[in-house]
């Protein structure tokens, strides 16, 4: 045998080992082999490019996600609603309410509550404004007069003591 025949036999042997390992892996994982790793069991020369085949159970091309028919129907309905909104047509689904926004009825109710609060505050301020407001620390006229008399008596006592 020449070296090319030996290389070919070795490649075939390696291919069989790979196929056996893939079968064992798929049985461990529950019988589902990934479509990119499934290889035909026929032997080919190592010089040709290996062809990967898709199992008949998966109705999708390799590399794309699988969606159930129900999910595809939901996606299609959502896309149609989006396009209808963009075109300005009637939507089949009710539009989603924006979160954190006040409704017109809520805004009116809030306005009425605030007006009532402000009116009550103004009414309370009007009652308190009737007596004269007194600053903290300010002397009343009676207190000022008494303080003045006490100071005059003190100065008189000092003058008397100084004259002696």
N, C-alpha and C. Protein backbone atom coordinates (compact mmCIF):
# COMPACT_ATOMS: atom_id res chain seq x y z
N UNK A 1 0.83 -1.19 0.00
CA UNK A 1 0.00 0.00 0.00
C UNK A 1 0.87 1.24 0.00
N UNK A 2 0.43 2.20 -0.73
CA UNK A 2 1.16 3.46 -0.71
C UNK A 2 0.60 4.36 0.38
N UNK A 3 1.24 5.49 0.60
CA UNK A 3 0.86 6.37 1.72
C UNK A 3 -0.51 6.98 1.53
N UNK A 4 -0.95 7.23 0.32
CA UNK A 4 -2.27 7.83 0.13
C UNK A 4 -3.37 6.86 0.51
N UNK A 5 -3.19 5.57 0.26
CA UNK A 5 -4.20 4.58 0.64
C UNK A 5 -4.22 4.44 2.16
N UNK A 6 -3.04 4.48 2.79
CA UNK A 6 -3.00 4.40 4.25
C UNK A 6 -3.69 5.63 4.86
N UNK A 7 -3.46 6.79 4.31
CA UNK A 7 -4.09 8.00 4.81
C UNK A 7 -5.60 7.93 4.65
N UNK A 8 -6.04 7.36 3.55
CA UNK A 8 -7.47 7.23 3.29
C UNK A 8 -8.11 6.27 4.29
N UNK A 9 -7.45 5.16 4.57
CA UNK A 9 -7.98 4.20 5.54
C UNK A 9 -8.02 4.83 6.94
N UNK A 10 -7.00 5.58 7.27
CA UNK A 10 -6.97 6.24 8.58
C UNK A 10 -8.08 7.28 8.69
N UNK A 11 -8.33 8.01 7.62
CA UNK A 11 -9.41 8.99 7.63
C UNK A 11 -10.76 8.32 7.80
N UNK A 12 -10.95 7.19 7.14
CA UNK A 12 -12.22 6.45 7.27
C UNK A 12 -12.39 5.95 8.70
N UNK A 13 -11.32 5.47 9.29
CA UNK A 13 -11.37 4.99 10.67
C UNK A 13 -11.74 6.12 11.62
N UNK A 14 -11.13 7.26 11.43
CA UNK A 14 -11.44 8.42 12.28
C UNK A 14 -12.88 8.85 12.10
N UNK A 15 -13.37 8.84 10.85
CA UNK A 15 -14.76 9.22 10.56
C UNK A 15 -15.71 8.29 11.29
N UNK A 16 -15.44 6.98 11.29
CA UNK A 16 -16.31 6.02 11.99
C UNK A 16 -16.31 6.29 13.49
N UNK A 17 -15.14 6.60 14.04
CA UNK A 17 -15.07 6.91 15.47
C UNK A 17 -15.90 8.16 15.79
N UNK A 18 -15.82 9.17 14.94
CA UNK A 18 -16.60 10.39 15.14
C UNK A 18 -18.09 10.09 15.10
N UNK A 19 -18.51 9.28 14.11
CA UNK A 19 -19.93 8.93 14.00
C UNK A 19 -20.41 8.18 15.24
N UNK A 20 -19.59 7.24 15.72
CA UNK A 20 -19.97 6.49 16.92
C UNK A 20 -20.09 7.42 18.13
N UNK A 21 -19.14 8.32 18.27
CA UNK A 21 -19.19 9.26 19.39
C UNK A 21 -20.40 10.19 19.29
N UNK A 22 -20.75 10.60 18.08
CA UNK A 22 -21.93 11.46 17.92
C UNK A 22 -23.20 10.72 18.27
N UNK A 23 -23.29 9.46 17.89
CA UNK A 23 -24.47 8.66 18.25
C UNK A 23 -24.58 8.50 19.76
N UNK A 24 -23.46 8.24 20.43
CA UNK A 24 -23.47 8.11 21.89
C UNK A 24 -23.87 9.42 22.55
N UNK A 25 -23.37 10.53 22.04
CA UNK A 25 -23.71 11.84 22.58
C UNK A 25 -25.20 12.14 22.42
N UNK A 26 -25.74 11.83 21.25
CA UNK A 26 -27.16 12.10 21.04
C UNK A 26 -28.04 11.21 21.92
N UNK A 27 -27.61 9.97 22.19
CA UNK A 27 -28.41 9.11 23.07
C UNK A 27 -28.34 9.62 24.51
N UNK A 28 -27.21 10.18 24.90
CA UNK A 28 -27.09 10.74 26.26
C UNK A 28 -27.95 11.98 26.39
N UNK A 29 -27.99 12.82 25.36
CA UNK A 29 -28.74 14.07 25.42
C UNK A 29 -30.21 13.89 25.09
N UNK A 30 -30.70 12.70 25.02
CA UNK A 30 -32.12 12.47 24.80
C UNK A 30 -32.49 12.25 23.36
N UNK A 31 -31.57 11.85 22.55
CA UNK A 31 -31.87 11.51 21.17
C UNK A 31 -31.89 12.68 20.23
N UNK A 32 -31.64 13.89 20.71
CA UNK A 32 -31.67 15.05 19.81
C UNK A 32 -30.24 15.48 19.51
N UNK A 33 -29.82 15.24 18.31
CA UNK A 33 -28.50 15.69 17.89
C UNK A 33 -28.64 17.03 17.21
N UNK A 34 -27.66 17.89 17.38
CA UNK A 34 -27.74 19.19 16.71
C UNK A 34 -27.59 19.00 15.22
N UNK A 35 -28.30 19.80 14.40
CA UNK A 35 -28.29 19.58 12.96
C UNK A 35 -26.93 19.85 12.32
N UNK A 36 -26.11 20.63 12.94
CA UNK A 36 -24.81 20.94 12.32
C UNK A 36 -23.80 19.83 12.54
N UNK A 37 -24.02 18.96 13.56
CA UNK A 37 -23.05 17.91 13.82
C UNK A 37 -23.46 16.56 13.26
N UNK A 38 -24.69 16.42 12.80
CA UNK A 38 -25.13 15.14 12.26
C UNK A 38 -24.50 14.91 10.90
N UNK A 39 -23.89 13.74 10.75
CA UNK A 39 -23.20 13.43 9.51
C UNK A 39 -23.77 12.13 8.94
N UNK A 40 -23.72 11.98 7.67
CA UNK A 40 -24.18 10.72 7.10
C UNK A 40 -23.21 9.60 7.48
N UNK A 41 -23.72 8.39 7.52
CA UNK A 41 -22.89 7.26 7.93
C UNK A 41 -22.09 6.67 6.78
N UNK A 42 -22.30 7.16 5.58
CA UNK A 42 -21.52 6.63 4.46
C UNK A 42 -20.10 7.12 4.54
N UNK A 43 -19.19 6.32 4.04
CA UNK A 43 -17.79 6.73 4.08
C UNK A 43 -17.42 7.39 2.78
N UNK A 44 -16.62 8.45 2.93
CA UNK A 44 -16.13 9.18 1.77
C UNK A 44 -14.63 9.34 1.92
N UNK A 45 -13.97 9.59 0.86
CA UNK A 45 -12.54 9.87 0.97
C UNK A 45 -12.32 11.17 1.75
N UNK A 46 -11.21 11.24 2.43
CA UNK A 46 -10.91 12.39 3.27
C UNK A 46 -10.64 13.64 2.45
N UNK A 47 -10.39 13.50 1.16
CA UNK A 47 -10.08 14.66 0.35
C UNK A 47 -11.32 15.45 -0.01
N UNK A 48 -12.51 14.85 0.04
CA UNK A 48 -13.74 15.59 -0.28
C UNK A 48 -14.24 16.31 0.97
N UNK A 49 -14.96 17.35 0.72
CA UNK A 49 -15.51 18.15 1.81
C UNK A 49 -16.68 17.42 2.46
N UNK A 50 -16.72 17.29 3.82
CA UNK A 50 -17.83 16.59 4.45
C UNK A 50 -19.11 17.41 4.34
N UNK A 51 -20.20 16.76 4.02
CA UNK A 51 -21.48 17.41 3.84
C UNK A 51 -22.32 17.15 5.08
N UNK A 52 -22.87 18.20 5.65
CA UNK A 52 -23.76 18.03 6.81
C UNK A 52 -25.19 18.04 6.30
N UNK A 53 -25.99 17.15 6.83
CA UNK A 53 -27.39 17.08 6.43
C UNK A 53 -28.26 17.41 7.63
N UNK A 54 -29.42 17.96 7.31
CA UNK A 54 -30.39 18.28 8.35
C UNK A 54 -31.29 17.09 8.56
N UNK A 55 -31.60 16.74 9.81
CA UNK A 55 -32.55 15.66 10.03
C UNK A 55 -33.94 16.10 9.56
N UNK A 56 -34.76 15.16 9.22
CA UNK A 56 -36.10 15.46 8.70
C UNK A 56 -37.01 16.05 9.76
N UNK A 57 -36.68 15.88 11.05
CA UNK A 57 -37.55 16.33 12.13
C UNK A 57 -37.54 17.86 12.27
N UNK A 58 -36.48 18.54 11.85
CA UNK A 58 -36.43 19.99 12.00
C UNK A 58 -36.82 20.67 10.70
N UNK A 59 -37.91 21.45 10.68
CA UNK A 59 -38.37 22.10 9.46
C UNK A 59 -37.72 23.47 9.24
N UNK A 60 -36.47 23.64 9.63
CA UNK A 60 -35.83 24.93 9.53
C UNK A 60 -34.43 24.78 8.98
N UNK A 61 -33.93 25.80 8.33
CA UNK A 61 -32.56 25.74 7.87
C UNK A 61 -31.59 25.89 9.04
N UNK A 62 -30.39 25.38 8.85
CA UNK A 62 -29.38 25.44 9.92
C UNK A 62 -29.03 26.89 10.22
N UNK A 63 -28.86 27.20 11.51
CA UNK A 63 -28.45 28.53 11.90
C UNK A 63 -29.60 29.46 12.21
N UNK A 64 -30.84 29.05 12.02
CA UNK A 64 -31.98 29.90 12.32
C UNK A 64 -32.72 29.35 13.53
N UNK A 65 -33.39 30.25 14.26
CA UNK A 65 -34.10 29.82 15.46
C UNK A 65 -35.41 29.14 15.10
N UNK A 66 -35.83 28.25 15.98
CA UNK A 66 -37.10 27.55 15.78
C UNK A 66 -38.17 28.26 16.58
N UNK A 67 -39.29 28.58 15.93
CA UNK A 67 -40.45 29.15 16.60
C UNK A 67 -41.63 28.23 16.36
N UNK A 68 -42.42 27.99 17.41
CA UNK A 68 -43.61 27.17 17.25
C UNK A 68 -44.62 27.92 16.39
N UNK A 69 -45.55 27.22 15.82
CA UNK A 69 -46.57 27.91 15.00
C UNK A 69 -47.35 28.96 15.79
N UNK A 70 -47.63 28.70 17.06
CA UNK A 70 -48.34 29.68 17.89
C UNK A 70 -47.50 30.95 18.07
N UNK A 71 -46.21 30.76 18.29
CA UNK A 71 -45.33 31.91 18.46
C UNK A 71 -45.22 32.70 17.16
N UNK A 72 -45.13 31.98 16.04
CA UNK A 72 -45.06 32.67 14.75
C UNK A 72 -46.33 33.47 14.49
N UNK A 73 -47.50 32.92 14.89
CA UNK A 73 -48.77 33.64 14.71
C UNK A 73 -48.78 34.92 15.57
N UNK A 74 -48.28 34.82 16.82
CA UNK A 74 -48.22 36.01 17.68
C UNK A 74 -47.29 37.07 17.10
N UNK A 75 -46.14 36.63 16.60
CA UNK A 75 -45.20 37.58 16.00
C UNK A 75 -45.80 38.25 14.77
N UNK A 76 -46.50 37.46 13.96
CA UNK A 76 -47.13 38.02 12.76
C UNK A 76 -48.21 39.04 13.13
N UNK A 77 -49.01 38.71 14.15
CA UNK A 77 -50.06 39.64 14.57
C UNK A 77 -49.46 40.94 15.11
N UNK A 78 -48.38 40.83 15.86
CA UNK A 78 -47.72 42.02 16.40
C UNK A 78 -47.13 42.87 15.28
N UNK A 79 -46.55 42.21 14.28
CA UNK A 79 -45.97 42.95 13.15
C UNK A 79 -47.07 43.65 12.36
N UNK A 80 -48.19 42.97 12.14
CA UNK A 80 -49.31 43.59 11.42
C UNK A 80 -49.85 44.80 12.17
N UNK A 81 -49.95 44.67 13.51
CA UNK A 81 -50.43 45.80 14.31
C UNK A 81 -49.46 46.97 14.23
N UNK A 82 -48.16 46.68 14.24
CA UNK A 82 -47.16 47.75 14.11
C UNK A 82 -47.29 48.46 12.79
N UNK A 83 -47.40 47.68 11.72
CA UNK A 83 -47.53 48.30 10.38
C UNK A 83 -48.81 49.09 10.26
N UNK A 84 -49.89 48.58 10.86
CA UNK A 84 -51.17 49.30 10.80
C UNK A 84 -51.06 50.64 11.54
N UNK A 85 -50.37 50.64 12.68
CA UNK A 85 -50.18 51.90 13.41
C UNK A 85 -49.35 52.87 12.60
N UNK A 86 -48.31 52.38 11.94
CA UNK A 86 -47.46 53.25 11.15
C UNK A 86 -48.21 53.83 9.95
N UNK A 87 -49.06 53.03 9.37
CA UNK A 87 -49.83 53.49 8.21
C UNK A 87 -51.02 54.35 8.62
N UNK A 88 -51.35 54.33 9.91
CA UNK A 88 -52.47 55.14 10.38
C UNK A 88 -53.80 54.42 10.29
N UNK A 89 -53.78 53.13 10.05
CA UNK A 89 -55.01 52.37 9.97
C UNK A 89 -55.50 51.96 11.34
N UNK A 90 -56.63 51.29 11.37
CA UNK A 90 -57.19 50.82 12.63
C UNK A 90 -56.36 49.64 13.12
N UNK A 91 -56.16 49.58 14.42
CA UNK A 91 -55.40 48.47 14.99
C UNK A 91 -56.36 47.39 15.44
N UNK A 92 -55.89 46.17 15.39
CA UNK A 92 -56.72 45.05 15.83
C UNK A 92 -56.66 44.91 17.33
N UNK A 93 -55.53 45.25 17.93
CA UNK A 93 -55.39 45.14 19.37
C UNK A 93 -55.56 46.53 19.99
N UNK A 94 -55.92 46.54 21.28
CA UNK A 94 -56.07 47.81 21.98
C UNK A 94 -54.68 48.38 22.24
N UNK A 95 -54.51 49.68 22.09
CA UNK A 95 -53.19 50.26 22.33
C UNK A 95 -52.82 50.16 23.81
N UNK A 96 -51.57 49.92 24.08
CA UNK A 96 -51.11 49.78 25.46
C UNK A 96 -51.07 51.16 26.12
N UNK A 97 -51.50 51.20 27.37
CA UNK A 97 -51.52 52.46 28.12
C UNK A 97 -50.10 52.76 28.60
N UNK A 98 -49.70 54.01 28.44
CA UNK A 98 -48.37 54.39 28.90
C UNK A 98 -48.37 54.41 30.42
N UNK A 99 -47.31 53.87 30.98
CA UNK A 99 -47.22 53.83 32.43
C UNK A 99 -46.71 55.16 32.94
N UNK A 100 -47.23 55.58 34.10
CA UNK A 100 -46.77 56.80 34.72
C UNK A 100 -47.42 58.06 34.18
N UNK A 101 -48.40 57.93 33.30
CA UNK A 101 -49.08 59.10 32.72
C UNK A 101 -50.41 59.28 33.43
N UNK A 102 -50.79 60.55 33.64
CA UNK A 102 -52.09 60.85 34.22
C UNK A 102 -53.16 60.83 33.13
N UNK A 103 -54.29 60.25 33.45
CA UNK A 103 -55.41 60.31 32.52
C UNK A 103 -56.06 61.68 32.68
N UNK A 104 -56.83 62.12 31.70
CA UNK A 104 -57.52 63.42 31.84
C UNK A 104 -58.43 63.46 33.07
N UNK A 105 -59.10 62.35 33.37
CA UNK A 105 -59.98 62.33 34.55
C UNK A 105 -59.15 62.45 35.82
N UNK A 106 -58.02 61.77 35.87
CA UNK A 106 -57.13 61.86 37.03
C UNK A 106 -56.57 63.26 37.19
N UNK A 107 -56.24 63.91 36.08
CA UNK A 107 -55.70 65.27 36.13
C UNK A 107 -56.76 66.24 36.68
N UNK A 108 -58.04 66.08 36.24
CA UNK A 108 -59.12 66.94 36.74
C UNK A 108 -59.31 66.74 38.25
N UNK A 109 -59.31 65.49 38.68
CA UNK A 109 -59.51 65.19 40.10
C UNK A 109 -58.38 65.78 40.94
N UNK A 110 -57.16 65.65 40.46
CA UNK A 110 -56.01 66.21 41.16
C UNK A 110 -56.10 67.73 41.23
N UNK A 111 -56.55 68.35 40.15
CA UNK A 111 -56.69 69.80 40.12
C UNK A 111 -57.73 70.26 41.15
N UNK A 112 -58.85 69.55 41.23
CA UNK A 112 -59.88 69.92 42.20
C UNK A 112 -59.37 69.77 43.63
N UNK A 113 -58.63 68.70 43.90
CA UNK A 113 -58.09 68.50 45.25
C UNK A 113 -57.10 69.60 45.62
N UNK A 114 -56.26 69.98 44.67
CA UNK A 114 -55.28 71.03 44.95
C UNK A 114 -55.97 72.38 45.19
N UNK A 115 -57.00 72.69 44.39
CA UNK A 115 -57.73 73.95 44.59
C UNK A 115 -58.39 73.98 45.97
N UNK A 116 -58.95 72.84 46.40
CA UNK A 116 -59.57 72.77 47.72
C UNK A 116 -58.52 72.96 48.81
N UNK A 117 -57.35 72.39 48.63
CA UNK A 117 -56.28 72.53 49.62
C UNK A 117 -55.82 73.98 49.71
N UNK A 118 -55.65 74.62 48.56
CA UNK A 118 -55.21 76.02 48.56
C UNK A 118 -56.27 76.94 49.20
N UNK A 119 -57.54 76.66 48.92
CA UNK A 119 -58.61 77.48 49.50
C UNK A 119 -58.62 77.32 51.03
N UNK A 120 -58.42 76.09 51.51
CA UNK A 120 -58.40 75.86 52.95
C UNK A 120 -57.20 76.56 53.58
N UNK A 121 -56.07 76.56 52.89
CA UNK A 121 -54.87 77.23 53.41
C UNK A 121 -55.10 78.74 53.47
N UNK A 122 -55.71 79.30 52.40
CA UNK A 122 -55.99 80.74 52.41
C UNK A 122 -56.97 81.09 53.54
N UNK A 123 -57.95 80.26 53.76
CA UNK A 123 -58.94 80.50 54.80
C UNK A 123 -58.28 80.44 56.17
N UNK A 124 -57.38 79.52 56.39
CA UNK A 124 -56.65 79.41 57.65
C UNK A 124 -55.73 80.59 57.88
N UNK A 125 -55.10 81.10 56.85
CA UNK A 125 -54.21 82.25 56.95
C UNK A 125 -55.02 83.49 57.29
N UNK A 126 -56.21 83.64 56.73
CA UNK A 126 -57.05 84.81 57.00
C UNK A 126 -57.46 84.85 58.47
N UNK A 127 -57.73 83.71 59.09
CA UNK A 127 -58.10 83.67 60.50
C UNK A 127 -56.92 84.08 61.38
N UNK A 128 -55.75 83.60 61.06
CA UNK A 128 -54.58 83.89 61.88
C UNK A 128 -54.12 85.34 61.70
N UNK A 129 -54.43 85.97 60.59
CA UNK A 129 -53.95 87.32 60.31
C UNK A 129 -54.71 88.39 61.09
N UNK A 130 -55.88 88.06 61.66
CA UNK A 130 -56.66 89.08 62.35
C UNK A 130 -55.97 89.63 63.60
N UNK A 131 -55.39 88.81 64.51
CA UNK A 131 -54.65 89.43 65.62
C UNK A 131 -53.31 89.95 65.11
N UNK A 132 -52.77 91.00 65.75
CA UNK A 132 -51.50 91.53 65.27
C UNK A 132 -50.38 90.51 65.45
N UNK A 133 -49.61 90.37 64.44
CA UNK A 133 -48.51 89.40 64.49
C UNK A 133 -47.38 89.98 65.32
N UNK A 134 -46.82 89.16 66.20
CA UNK A 134 -45.76 89.61 67.07
C UNK A 134 -44.47 88.89 66.69
N UNK A 135 -43.41 89.64 66.50
CA UNK A 135 -42.13 89.02 66.18
C UNK A 135 -41.54 88.43 67.44
N UNK A 136 -40.80 87.32 67.25
CA UNK A 136 -40.14 86.72 68.41
C UNK A 136 -39.01 87.64 68.86
N UNK A 137 -38.90 87.86 70.14
CA UNK A 137 -37.82 88.66 70.69
C UNK A 137 -38.10 90.16 70.69
N UNK A 138 -39.22 90.57 70.14
CA UNK A 138 -39.54 92.00 70.10
C UNK A 138 -40.20 92.40 71.42
N UNK A 139 -39.93 93.61 71.89
CA UNK A 139 -40.52 94.10 73.13
C UNK A 139 -41.89 94.70 72.88
N UNK A 140 -42.76 94.45 73.81
CA UNK A 140 -44.06 95.11 73.76
C UNK A 140 -43.89 96.52 74.32
N UNK A 141 -44.80 97.41 74.03
CA UNK A 141 -44.68 98.78 74.58
C UNK A 141 -44.63 98.79 76.10
N UNK A 142 -45.40 97.92 76.77
CA UNK A 142 -45.39 97.87 78.24
C UNK A 142 -44.03 97.39 78.74
N UNK A 143 -43.47 96.40 78.08
CA UNK A 143 -42.16 95.89 78.47
C UNK A 143 -41.07 96.91 78.24
N UNK A 144 -41.17 97.66 77.17
CA UNK A 144 -40.18 98.70 76.87
C UNK A 144 -40.22 99.79 77.96
N UNK A 145 -41.44 100.19 78.40
CA UNK A 145 -41.60 101.22 79.43
C UNK A 145 -41.00 100.75 80.75
N UNK A 146 -41.27 99.52 81.11
CA UNK A 146 -40.74 98.97 82.37
C UNK A 146 -39.21 98.92 82.34
N UNK A 147 -38.64 98.47 81.20
CA UNK A 147 -37.20 98.40 81.05
C UNK A 147 -36.57 99.80 81.16
N UNK A 148 -37.23 100.77 80.56
CA UNK A 148 -36.73 102.15 80.62
C UNK A 148 -36.69 102.66 82.08
N UNK A 149 -37.73 102.40 82.85
CA UNK A 149 -37.77 102.82 84.24
C UNK A 149 -36.67 102.15 85.06
N UNK A 150 -36.46 100.86 84.82
CA UNK A 150 -35.41 100.15 85.55
C UNK A 150 -34.03 100.71 85.23
N UNK A 151 -33.77 101.04 83.98
CA UNK A 151 -32.47 101.58 83.58
C UNK A 151 -32.25 102.98 84.20
N UNK A 152 -33.30 103.80 84.19
CA UNK A 152 -33.19 105.13 84.80
C UNK A 152 -32.86 105.03 86.28
N UNK A 153 -33.51 104.09 86.98
CA UNK A 153 -33.24 103.89 88.41
C UNK A 153 -31.80 103.42 88.61
N UNK A 154 -31.31 102.55 87.74
CA UNK A 154 -29.94 102.05 87.85
C UNK A 154 -28.93 103.18 87.62
N UNK A 155 -29.16 104.02 86.61
CA UNK A 155 -28.23 105.14 86.33
C UNK A 155 -28.23 106.14 87.49
N UNK A 156 -29.42 106.34 88.04
CA UNK A 156 -29.51 107.27 89.19
C UNK A 156 -28.71 106.73 90.37
N UNK A 157 -28.80 105.41 90.60
CA UNK A 157 -28.05 104.80 91.70
C UNK A 157 -26.57 104.91 91.45
N UNK A 158 -26.09 104.77 90.23
CA UNK A 158 -24.67 104.88 89.89
C UNK A 158 -24.19 106.35 90.10
N UNK A 159 -25.02 107.30 89.67
CA UNK A 159 -24.64 108.70 89.82
C UNK A 159 -24.51 109.07 91.32
N UNK A 160 -25.45 108.54 92.09
CA UNK A 160 -25.44 108.80 93.52
C UNK A 160 -24.18 108.21 94.17
N UNK A 161 -23.82 106.97 93.75
CA UNK A 161 -22.64 106.31 94.32
C UNK A 161 -21.37 107.02 93.86
N UNK A 162 -21.36 107.57 92.67
CA UNK A 162 -20.18 108.25 92.14
C UNK A 162 -19.97 109.59 92.84
N UNK A 163 -21.06 110.23 93.24
CA UNK A 163 -20.93 111.54 93.89
C UNK A 163 -20.43 111.40 95.30
N UNK A 164 -20.49 110.36 95.94
CA UNK A 164 -20.03 110.20 97.31
C UNK A 164 -18.60 110.11 97.39
